[in-house]
């Protein structure tokens, strides 16, 4: 059996490292599919929570019940947003120009949305439930702040710097 020479081994390692780094980055179609798959349950959960929050805002409940329900809804949205962020993080960095910045943009958006829901939960939990009118006025302010923070962080795939990713997001069924 022939021994591997140290220089040959070093050459193999030097050449293998860039190749493995390239192969670790998913192409535009694969990355978009991974991202959309991670975001799909999140979108459904956010839609459901948004609907339930609107119902809470119009349904006659006691301030204590409303406070508990809204805190639970916002906590669920924060948790769902973090799960989506982790899923997008697992997708890695797309093999496109500015892939790092694009992936970071998605992660930053989801972290911002997660934080917006967390702030809303904290805001609701901090409210006094009496007097009722004041409580509901303050809930309105918390929801306004949530909306502002959410809009600042929202995902906008139309502003991607990559034509390949934009095409992938537009064409994949899991992204529709």
N, C-alpha and C. Protein backbone atom coordinates (compact mmCIF):
# COMPACT_ATOMS: atom_id res chain seq x y z
N UNK A 1 0.84 -1.18 0.00
CA UNK A 1 0.00 0.00 0.00
C UNK A 1 0.88 1.24 0.00
N UNK A 2 0.51 2.18 -0.80
CA UNK A 2 1.32 3.37 -0.97
C UNK A 2 0.88 4.46 0.00
N UNK A 3 1.78 5.10 0.69
CA UNK A 3 1.47 6.16 1.64
C UNK A 3 1.14 7.45 0.90
N UNK A 4 0.20 8.21 1.44
CA UNK A 4 -0.16 9.49 0.86
C UNK A 4 0.86 10.50 1.33
N UNK A 5 1.41 11.21 0.38
CA UNK A 5 2.40 12.22 0.73
C UNK A 5 1.72 13.45 1.30
N UNK A 6 2.32 14.10 2.30
CA UNK A 6 1.71 15.27 2.93
C UNK A 6 1.34 16.37 1.93
N UNK A 7 2.16 16.59 0.92
CA UNK A 7 1.85 17.65 -0.05
C UNK A 7 0.61 17.26 -0.85
N UNK A 8 0.48 16.00 -1.23
CA UNK A 8 -0.70 15.56 -1.98
C UNK A 8 -1.96 15.72 -1.13
N UNK A 9 -1.88 15.36 0.14
CA UNK A 9 -3.02 15.49 1.03
C UNK A 9 -3.39 16.96 1.21
N UNK A 10 -2.38 17.81 1.37
CA UNK A 10 -2.64 19.24 1.52
C UNK A 10 -3.29 19.80 0.26
N UNK A 11 -2.85 19.38 -0.90
CA UNK A 11 -3.42 19.84 -2.16
C UNK A 11 -4.89 19.40 -2.28
N UNK A 12 -5.17 18.17 -1.92
CA UNK A 12 -6.55 17.68 -1.96
C UNK A 12 -7.43 18.51 -1.02
N UNK A 13 -6.95 18.78 0.18
CA UNK A 13 -7.73 19.56 1.14
C UNK A 13 -7.95 20.99 0.66
N UNK A 14 -6.93 21.61 0.09
CA UNK A 14 -7.06 22.97 -0.41
C UNK A 14 -8.06 23.03 -1.56
N UNK A 15 -8.03 22.04 -2.45
CA UNK A 15 -8.96 22.03 -3.57
C UNK A 15 -10.37 21.62 -3.15
N UNK A 16 -10.49 20.77 -2.18
CA UNK A 16 -11.80 20.27 -1.76
C UNK A 16 -12.59 21.32 -1.00
N UNK A 17 -11.91 22.18 -0.25
CA UNK A 17 -12.62 23.16 0.56
C UNK A 17 -13.46 24.11 -0.29
N UNK A 18 -12.92 24.75 -1.34
CA UNK A 18 -13.78 25.62 -2.14
C UNK A 18 -14.91 24.85 -2.84
N UNK A 19 -14.62 23.62 -3.25
CA UNK A 19 -15.66 22.84 -3.92
C UNK A 19 -16.79 22.51 -2.97
N UNK A 20 -16.45 22.16 -1.74
CA UNK A 20 -17.51 21.84 -0.78
C UNK A 20 -18.28 23.09 -0.40
N UNK A 21 -17.61 24.25 -0.35
CA UNK A 21 -18.31 25.49 -0.03
C UNK A 21 -19.30 25.83 -1.14
N UNK A 22 -18.90 25.63 -2.39
CA UNK A 22 -19.81 25.91 -3.50
C UNK A 22 -21.00 24.97 -3.50
N UNK A 23 -20.75 23.72 -3.23
CA UNK A 23 -21.85 22.76 -3.29
C UNK A 23 -22.81 22.91 -2.11
N UNK A 24 -22.38 23.61 -1.06
CA UNK A 24 -23.25 23.79 0.10
C UNK A 24 -24.30 24.86 -0.14
N UNK A 25 -24.08 25.71 -1.12
CA UNK A 25 -25.04 26.76 -1.41
C UNK A 25 -26.06 26.27 -2.41
N UNK A 26 -27.33 26.30 -2.03
CA UNK A 26 -28.36 25.86 -2.97
C UNK A 26 -28.54 26.86 -4.10
N UNK A 27 -28.88 26.34 -5.25
CA UNK A 27 -29.17 27.20 -6.39
C UNK A 27 -30.45 27.99 -6.14
N UNK A 28 -30.76 28.94 -7.02
CA UNK A 28 -31.92 29.80 -6.81
C UNK A 28 -33.24 29.04 -6.64
N UNK A 29 -33.48 28.04 -7.49
CA UNK A 29 -34.73 27.28 -7.40
C UNK A 29 -34.81 26.51 -6.07
N UNK A 30 -33.72 25.85 -5.73
CA UNK A 30 -33.71 25.06 -4.49
C UNK A 30 -33.87 25.96 -3.27
N UNK A 31 -33.16 27.09 -3.27
CA UNK A 31 -33.24 27.98 -2.12
C UNK A 31 -34.64 28.56 -1.98
N UNK A 32 -35.20 29.02 -3.07
CA UNK A 32 -36.56 29.58 -3.03
C UNK A 32 -37.55 28.53 -2.54
N UNK A 33 -37.40 27.29 -2.98
CA UNK A 33 -38.30 26.22 -2.54
C UNK A 33 -38.15 25.99 -1.03
N UNK A 34 -36.92 25.98 -0.53
CA UNK A 34 -36.70 25.80 0.90
C UNK A 34 -37.30 26.96 1.71
N UNK A 35 -37.10 28.16 1.22
CA UNK A 35 -37.62 29.34 1.91
C UNK A 35 -39.15 29.33 1.91
N UNK A 36 -39.74 29.07 0.76
CA UNK A 36 -41.21 29.07 0.69
C UNK A 36 -41.80 27.95 1.53
N UNK A 37 -41.13 26.82 1.58
CA UNK A 37 -41.60 25.72 2.42
C UNK A 37 -41.54 26.11 3.89
N UNK A 38 -40.51 26.85 4.29
CA UNK A 38 -40.40 27.32 5.67
C UNK A 38 -41.44 28.40 5.98
N UNK A 39 -41.78 29.21 4.98
CA UNK A 39 -42.70 30.32 5.21
C UNK A 39 -44.17 29.92 5.11
N UNK A 40 -44.47 28.83 4.44
CA UNK A 40 -45.86 28.44 4.22
C UNK A 40 -46.64 28.24 5.53
N UNK A 41 -46.14 27.45 6.47
CA UNK A 41 -46.89 27.30 7.73
C UNK A 41 -46.96 28.62 8.51
N UNK A 42 -45.93 29.42 8.40
CA UNK A 42 -45.90 30.71 9.07
C UNK A 42 -47.00 31.61 8.53
N UNK A 43 -47.10 31.70 7.20
CA UNK A 43 -48.15 32.53 6.60
C UNK A 43 -49.53 32.08 7.04
N UNK A 44 -49.75 30.78 7.03
CA UNK A 44 -51.06 30.25 7.47
C UNK A 44 -51.34 30.62 8.92
N UNK A 45 -50.34 30.46 9.76
CA UNK A 45 -50.50 30.77 11.18
C UNK A 45 -50.74 32.26 11.39
N UNK A 46 -50.00 33.09 10.70
CA UNK A 46 -50.17 34.55 10.83
C UNK A 46 -51.55 34.96 10.34
N UNK A 47 -52.00 34.39 9.22
CA UNK A 47 -53.35 34.69 8.73
C UNK A 47 -54.40 34.31 9.77
N UNK A 48 -54.26 33.13 10.34
CA UNK A 48 -55.20 32.65 11.35
C UNK A 48 -55.17 33.55 12.59
N UNK A 49 -53.97 33.88 13.04
CA UNK A 49 -53.84 34.73 14.23
C UNK A 49 -54.37 36.13 13.97
N UNK A 50 -54.13 36.66 12.78
CA UNK A 50 -54.63 37.98 12.43
C UNK A 50 -56.15 38.00 12.46
N UNK A 51 -56.75 36.97 11.89
CA UNK A 51 -58.20 36.86 11.89
C UNK A 51 -58.75 36.77 13.32
N UNK A 52 -58.11 35.95 14.13
CA UNK A 52 -58.55 35.80 15.51
C UNK A 52 -58.35 37.08 16.32
N UNK A 53 -57.27 37.82 16.01
CA UNK A 53 -57.03 39.08 16.70
C UNK A 53 -58.12 40.09 16.34
N UNK A 54 -58.47 40.15 15.05
CA UNK A 54 -59.55 41.05 14.64
C UNK A 54 -60.86 40.69 15.32
N UNK A 55 -61.12 39.40 15.45
CA UNK A 55 -62.33 38.96 16.16
C UNK A 55 -62.28 39.40 17.62
N UNK A 56 -61.11 39.27 18.23
CA UNK A 56 -60.96 39.69 19.62
C UNK A 56 -61.23 41.18 19.79
N UNK A 57 -60.84 41.96 18.80
CA UNK A 57 -61.01 43.40 18.88
C UNK A 57 -62.47 43.80 18.74
N UNK A 58 -63.30 42.95 18.13
CA UNK A 58 -64.70 43.30 17.92
C UNK A 58 -65.66 42.52 18.80
N UNK A 59 -65.20 41.42 19.40
CA UNK A 59 -66.06 40.60 20.25
C UNK A 59 -66.10 41.19 21.65
N UNK A 60 -67.28 41.17 22.22
CA UNK A 60 -67.43 41.65 23.60
C UNK A 60 -66.90 40.58 24.56
N UNK A 61 -65.80 40.88 25.17
CA UNK A 61 -65.24 40.03 26.22
C UNK A 61 -64.85 40.95 27.37
N UNK A 62 -64.57 40.36 28.47
CA UNK A 62 -64.08 41.17 29.58
C UNK A 62 -62.65 41.59 29.25
N UNK A 63 -62.20 42.69 29.81
CA UNK A 63 -60.81 43.09 29.57
C UNK A 63 -59.82 41.98 29.96
N UNK A 64 -60.09 41.28 31.03
CA UNK A 64 -59.20 40.19 31.45
C UNK A 64 -59.12 39.09 30.40
N UNK A 65 -60.28 38.72 29.85
CA UNK A 65 -60.30 37.69 28.80
C UNK A 65 -59.59 38.18 27.55
N UNK A 66 -59.86 39.42 27.17
CA UNK A 66 -59.23 39.99 25.98
C UNK A 66 -57.71 40.04 26.14
N UNK A 67 -57.28 40.46 27.32
CA UNK A 67 -55.85 40.55 27.59
C UNK A 67 -55.19 39.18 27.45
N UNK A 68 -55.79 38.18 28.08
CA UNK A 68 -55.25 36.82 28.01
C UNK A 68 -55.23 36.29 26.57
N UNK A 69 -56.32 36.48 25.86
CA UNK A 69 -56.42 35.97 24.48
C UNK A 69 -55.43 36.66 23.55
N UNK A 70 -55.34 37.99 23.66
CA UNK A 70 -54.42 38.73 22.79
C UNK A 70 -52.97 38.38 23.10
N UNK A 71 -52.64 38.27 24.37
CA UNK A 71 -51.26 37.90 24.74
C UNK A 71 -50.93 36.52 24.16
N UNK A 72 -51.86 35.59 24.22
CA UNK A 72 -51.63 34.25 23.68
C UNK A 72 -51.49 34.30 22.14
N UNK A 73 -52.33 35.11 21.50
CA UNK A 73 -52.26 35.23 20.04
C UNK A 73 -50.92 35.83 19.60
N UNK A 74 -50.51 36.90 20.27
CA UNK A 74 -49.25 37.53 19.90
C UNK A 74 -48.05 36.64 20.21
N UNK A 75 -48.14 35.88 21.28
CA UNK A 75 -47.08 34.93 21.60
C UNK A 75 -47.00 33.85 20.51
N UNK A 76 -48.15 33.37 20.06
CA UNK A 76 -48.17 32.38 18.98
C UNK A 76 -47.57 32.92 17.70
N UNK A 77 -47.85 34.17 17.40
CA UNK A 77 -47.30 34.79 16.19
C UNK A 77 -45.79 34.97 16.30
N UNK A 78 -45.32 35.35 17.49
CA UNK A 78 -43.87 35.50 17.70
C UNK A 78 -43.19 34.14 17.55
N UNK A 79 -43.78 33.11 18.13
CA UNK A 79 -43.21 31.76 18.03
C UNK A 79 -43.21 31.27 16.59
N UNK A 80 -44.30 31.47 15.87
CA UNK A 80 -44.37 31.05 14.46
C UNK A 80 -43.34 31.80 13.63
N UNK A 81 -43.14 33.07 13.92
CA UNK A 81 -42.16 33.87 13.18
C UNK A 81 -40.74 33.38 13.43
N UNK A 82 -40.46 33.01 14.66
CA UNK A 82 -39.12 32.47 14.97
C UNK A 82 -38.92 31.12 14.30
N UNK A 83 -39.94 30.29 14.28
CA UNK A 83 -39.83 29.00 13.59
C UNK A 83 -39.58 29.20 12.10
N UNK A 84 -40.24 30.17 11.50
CA UNK A 84 -40.01 30.47 10.08
C UNK A 84 -38.59 30.99 9.88
N UNK A 85 -38.13 31.85 10.79
CA UNK A 85 -36.76 32.38 10.68
C UNK A 85 -35.73 31.26 10.74
N UNK A 86 -35.94 30.31 11.65
CA UNK A 86 -35.03 29.18 11.76
C UNK A 86 -35.07 28.34 10.48
N UNK A 87 -36.25 28.14 9.92
CA UNK A 87 -36.37 27.40 8.66
C UNK A 87 -35.64 28.07 7.52
N UNK A 88 -35.73 29.39 7.44
CA UNK A 88 -35.03 30.14 6.40
C UNK A 88 -33.52 30.09 6.66
N UNK A 89 -33.14 30.15 7.91
CA UNK A 89 -31.71 30.06 8.25
C UNK A 89 -31.16 28.70 7.80
N UNK A 90 -31.94 27.64 7.99
CA UNK A 90 -31.52 26.29 7.55
C UNK A 90 -31.37 26.21 6.04
N UNK A 91 -32.10 27.04 5.31
CA UNK A 91 -32.00 27.03 3.85
C UNK A 91 -30.61 27.48 3.39
N UNK A 92 -29.91 28.19 4.24
CA UNK A 92 -28.56 28.63 3.92
C UNK A 92 -28.57 29.90 3.09
N UNK A 93 -27.55 30.01 2.27
CA UNK A 93 -27.35 31.18 1.43
C UNK A 93 -27.51 30.75 -0.02
N UNK A 94 -28.33 31.46 -0.78
CA UNK A 94 -28.51 31.07 -2.18
C UNK A 94 -27.25 31.34 -2.99
N UNK A 95 -27.02 30.48 -3.95
CA UNK A 95 -25.86 30.61 -4.83
C UNK A 95 -26.20 31.60 -5.96
N UNK A 96 -26.29 32.87 -5.57
CA UNK A 96 -26.55 33.96 -6.51
C UNK A 96 -25.71 35.15 -6.08
N UNK A 97 -25.59 36.13 -6.94
CA UNK A 97 -24.90 37.36 -6.58
C UNK A 97 -25.61 37.99 -5.39
N UNK A 98 -24.85 38.42 -4.42
CA UNK A 98 -25.37 39.02 -3.18
C UNK A 98 -26.22 38.04 -2.37
N UNK A 99 -25.95 36.75 -2.50
CA UNK A 99 -26.71 35.73 -1.78
C UNK A 99 -26.70 35.95 -0.28
N UNK A 100 -25.54 36.33 0.27
CA UNK A 100 -25.45 36.58 1.71
C UNK A 100 -26.40 37.70 2.14
N UNK A 101 -26.39 38.79 1.39
CA UNK A 101 -27.25 39.93 1.73
C UNK A 101 -28.72 39.57 1.59
N UNK A 102 -29.05 38.79 0.59
CA UNK A 102 -30.44 38.39 0.39
C UNK A 102 -30.90 37.50 1.54
N UNK A 103 -30.09 36.50 1.88
CA UNK A 103 -30.45 35.62 3.01
C UNK A 103 -30.55 36.43 4.29
N UNK A 104 -29.61 37.33 4.52
CA UNK A 104 -29.65 38.17 5.72
C UNK A 104 -30.90 39.04 5.74
N UNK A 105 -31.33 39.52 4.56
CA UNK A 105 -32.55 40.32 4.48
C UNK A 105 -33.77 39.53 4.92
N UNK A 106 -33.87 38.29 4.46
CA UNK A 106 -34.99 37.44 4.87
C UNK A 106 -34.95 37.19 6.37
N UNK A 107 -33.76 36.85 6.86
CA UNK A 107 -33.63 36.57 8.30
C UNK A 107 -33.94 37.80 9.13
N UNK A 108 -33.45 38.95 8.69
CA UNK A 108 -33.71 40.20 9.41
C UNK A 108 -35.19 40.55 9.41
N UNK A 109 -35.85 40.33 8.29
CA UNK A 109 -37.29 40.61 8.22
C UNK A 109 -38.06 39.74 9.20
N UNK A 110 -37.74 38.47 9.20
CA UNK A 110 -38.45 37.55 10.11
C UNK A 110 -38.14 37.85 11.57
N UNK A 111 -36.91 38.21 11.85
CA UNK A 111 -36.56 38.58 13.23
C UNK A 111 -37.31 39.85 13.64
N UNK A 112 -37.43 40.80 12.73
CA UNK A 112 -38.16 42.03 13.02
C UNK A 112 -39.64 41.76 13.27
N UNK A 113 -40.21 40.87 12.47
CA UNK A 113 -41.62 40.51 12.65
C UNK A 113 -41.81 39.77 13.97
N UNK A 114 -40.90 38.84 14.26
CA UNK A 114 -40.95 38.13 15.54
C UNK A 114 -40.90 39.12 16.71
N UNK A 115 -40.00 40.09 16.61
CA UNK A 115 -39.85 41.08 17.67
C UNK A 115 -41.08 41.97 17.78
N UNK A 116 -41.69 42.31 16.64
CA UNK A 116 -42.90 43.14 16.67
C UNK A 116 -44.01 42.42 17.44
N UNK A 117 -44.18 41.14 17.17
CA UNK A 117 -45.19 40.38 17.91
C UNK A 117 -44.81 40.24 19.38
N UNK A 118 -43.54 40.07 19.66
CA UNK A 118 -43.10 40.00 21.05
C UNK A 118 -43.36 41.29 21.80
N UNK A 119 -43.11 42.43 21.12
CA UNK A 119 -43.40 43.72 21.74
C UNK A 119 -44.90 43.88 21.99
N UNK A 120 -45.70 43.42 21.03
CA UNK A 120 -47.15 43.50 21.20
C UNK A 120 -47.61 42.66 22.39
N UNK A 121 -47.06 41.45 22.49
CA UNK A 121 -47.40 40.60 23.64
C UNK A 121 -47.04 41.30 24.94
N UNK A 122 -45.82 41.83 25.01
CA UNK A 122 -45.38 42.54 26.22
C UNK A 122 -46.25 43.76 26.50
N UNK A 123 -46.61 44.46 25.43
CA UNK A 123 -47.46 45.64 25.59
C UNK A 123 -48.82 45.28 26.16
N UNK A 124 -49.39 44.21 25.66
CA UNK A 124 -50.69 43.75 26.16
C UNK A 124 -50.57 43.30 27.62
N UNK A 125 -49.53 42.53 27.91
CA UNK A 125 -49.36 42.02 29.27
C UNK A 125 -49.17 43.14 30.29
N UNK A 126 -48.64 44.28 29.85
CA UNK A 126 -48.38 45.40 30.76
C UNK A 126 -49.62 46.24 31.03
N UNK A 127 -50.70 46.03 30.29
CA UNK A 127 -51.89 46.87 30.44
C UNK A 127 -52.70 46.50 31.67
N UNK A 128 -53.20 47.53 32.32
CA UNK A 128 -54.16 47.34 33.41
C UNK A 128 -55.53 47.09 32.76
N UNK A 129 -56.31 46.20 33.33
CA UNK A 129 -57.60 45.87 32.72
C UNK A 129 -58.74 46.77 33.19
N UNK A 130 -58.42 47.69 34.07
CA UNK A 130 -59.44 48.58 34.60
C UNK A 130 -58.91 50.01 34.55
N UNK A 131 -59.69 50.96 34.13
CA UNK A 131 -61.04 50.86 33.61
C UNK A 131 -61.05 50.25 32.19
N UNK A 132 -62.14 49.63 31.86
CA UNK A 132 -62.26 48.89 30.61
C UNK A 132 -62.02 49.77 29.39
N UNK A 133 -62.58 50.97 29.38
CA UNK A 133 -62.42 51.85 28.21
C UNK A 133 -60.95 52.16 27.98
N UNK A 134 -60.26 52.47 29.05
CA UNK A 134 -58.83 52.77 28.94
C UNK A 134 -58.08 51.54 28.43
N UNK A 135 -58.42 50.37 28.94
CA UNK A 135 -57.77 49.14 28.49
C UNK A 135 -57.92 48.99 26.98
N UNK A 136 -59.14 49.10 26.47
CA UNK A 136 -59.37 48.90 25.04
C UNK A 136 -58.72 49.99 24.20
N UNK A 137 -58.67 51.22 24.70
CA UNK A 137 -57.96 52.29 24.00
C UNK A 137 -56.47 51.95 23.89
N UNK A 138 -55.92 51.45 24.99
CA UNK A 138 -54.50 51.08 25.00
C UNK A 138 -54.21 49.87 24.11
N UNK A 139 -55.15 48.93 24.05
CA UNK A 139 -55.00 47.79 23.14
C UNK A 139 -54.88 48.31 21.71
N UNK A 140 -55.71 49.27 21.37
CA UNK A 140 -55.65 49.87 20.04
C UNK A 140 -54.27 50.45 19.74
N UNK A 141 -53.68 51.09 20.73
CA UNK A 141 -52.33 51.66 20.55
C UNK A 141 -51.28 50.57 20.37
N UNK A 142 -51.42 49.48 21.13
CA UNK A 142 -50.48 48.36 20.99
C UNK A 142 -50.58 47.76 19.59
N UNK A 143 -51.80 47.61 19.10
CA UNK A 143 -52.01 47.04 17.76
C UNK A 143 -51.47 48.00 16.68
N UNK A 144 -51.63 49.29 16.88
CA UNK A 144 -51.07 50.27 15.93
C UNK A 144 -49.55 50.15 15.88
N UNK A 145 -48.92 50.04 17.05
CA UNK A 145 -47.46 49.90 17.11
C UNK A 145 -47.04 48.60 16.42
N UNK A 146 -47.78 47.52 16.67
CA UNK A 146 -47.49 46.24 16.01
C UNK A 146 -47.55 46.41 14.50
N UNK A 147 -48.58 47.06 14.01
CA UNK A 147 -48.73 47.25 12.57
C UNK A 147 -47.56 48.04 12.00
N UNK A 148 -47.14 49.09 12.69
CA UNK A 148 -46.00 49.89 12.23
C UNK A 148 -44.72 49.06 12.20
N UNK A 149 -44.45 48.33 13.27
CA UNK A 149 -43.23 47.51 13.34
C UNK A 149 -43.27 46.39 12.31
N UNK A 150 -44.44 45.81 12.13
CA UNK A 150 -44.60 44.71 11.16
C UNK A 150 -44.31 45.22 9.76
N UNK A 151 -44.89 46.37 9.42
CA UNK A 151 -44.69 46.93 8.08
C UNK A 151 -43.23 47.27 7.81
N UNK A 152 -42.52 47.73 8.81
CA UNK A 152 -41.09 48.04 8.65
C UNK A 152 -40.28 46.78 8.36
N UNK A 153 -40.75 45.66 8.85
CA UNK A 153 -40.00 44.41 8.73
C UNK A 153 -40.53 43.47 7.67
N UNK A 154 -41.62 43.81 7.02
CA UNK A 154 -42.29 42.84 6.16
C UNK A 154 -41.41 42.35 5.01
N UNK A 155 -41.64 41.11 4.65
CA UNK A 155 -40.91 40.48 3.54
C UNK A 155 -41.45 41.01 2.22
N UNK A 156 -40.55 41.39 1.33
CA UNK A 156 -40.96 41.88 0.02
C UNK A 156 -40.06 41.24 -1.03
N UNK A 157 -40.54 40.15 -1.61
CA UNK A 157 -39.72 39.43 -2.58
C UNK A 157 -39.59 40.18 -3.90
N UNK A 158 -40.37 41.24 -4.11
CA UNK A 158 -40.23 42.00 -5.36
C UNK A 158 -38.97 42.85 -5.35
N UNK A 159 -38.36 43.04 -4.20
CA UNK A 159 -37.15 43.86 -4.12
C UNK A 159 -35.87 43.04 -4.05
N UNK A 160 -35.95 41.80 -4.44
CA UNK A 160 -34.74 40.98 -4.45
C UNK A 160 -33.79 41.47 -5.53
N UNK A 161 -32.50 41.41 -5.22
CA UNK A 161 -31.50 41.85 -6.18
C UNK A 161 -31.20 40.79 -7.23
N UNK A 162 -31.76 39.63 -7.10
CA UNK A 162 -31.43 38.51 -7.97
C UNK A 162 -32.60 38.19 -8.91
N UNK A 163 -32.34 38.31 -10.20
CA UNK A 163 -33.34 37.96 -11.20
C UNK A 163 -33.68 36.48 -11.09
N UNK A 164 -32.65 35.64 -10.85
CA UNK A 164 -32.87 34.20 -10.75
C UNK A 164 -33.79 33.85 -9.58
N UNK A 165 -33.59 34.51 -8.44
CA UNK A 165 -34.44 34.24 -7.29
C UNK A 165 -35.85 34.77 -7.51
N UNK A 166 -35.96 35.95 -8.10
CA UNK A 166 -37.29 36.50 -8.37
C UNK A 166 -38.07 35.56 -9.27
N UNK A 167 -37.40 35.04 -10.31
CA UNK A 167 -38.05 34.08 -11.21
C UNK A 167 -38.43 32.80 -10.47
N UNK A 168 -37.55 32.34 -9.60
CA UNK A 168 -37.84 31.12 -8.83
C UNK A 168 -39.04 31.34 -7.91
N UNK A 169 -39.08 32.45 -7.21
CA UNK A 169 -40.21 32.73 -6.33
C UNK A 169 -41.52 32.86 -7.11
N UNK A 170 -41.43 33.43 -8.30
CA UNK A 170 -42.63 33.60 -9.12
C UNK A 170 -43.12 32.30 -9.74
N UNK A 171 -42.21 31.34 -9.95
CA UNK A 171 -42.57 30.14 -10.71
C UNK A 171 -42.88 28.92 -9.85
N UNK A 172 -42.38 28.88 -8.63
CA UNK A 172 -42.54 27.67 -7.81
C UNK A 172 -43.92 27.60 -7.18
N UNK A 173 -44.58 26.46 -7.27
CA UNK A 173 -45.91 26.33 -6.66
C UNK A 173 -45.89 26.53 -5.15
N UNK A 174 -44.82 26.14 -4.46
CA UNK A 174 -44.78 26.29 -3.01
C UNK A 174 -44.65 27.75 -2.60
N UNK A 175 -44.38 28.63 -3.57
CA UNK A 175 -44.25 30.07 -3.28
C UNK A 175 -45.51 30.85 -3.62
N UNK A 176 -46.51 30.17 -4.08
CA UNK A 176 -47.75 30.88 -4.50
C UNK A 176 -48.73 30.98 -3.38
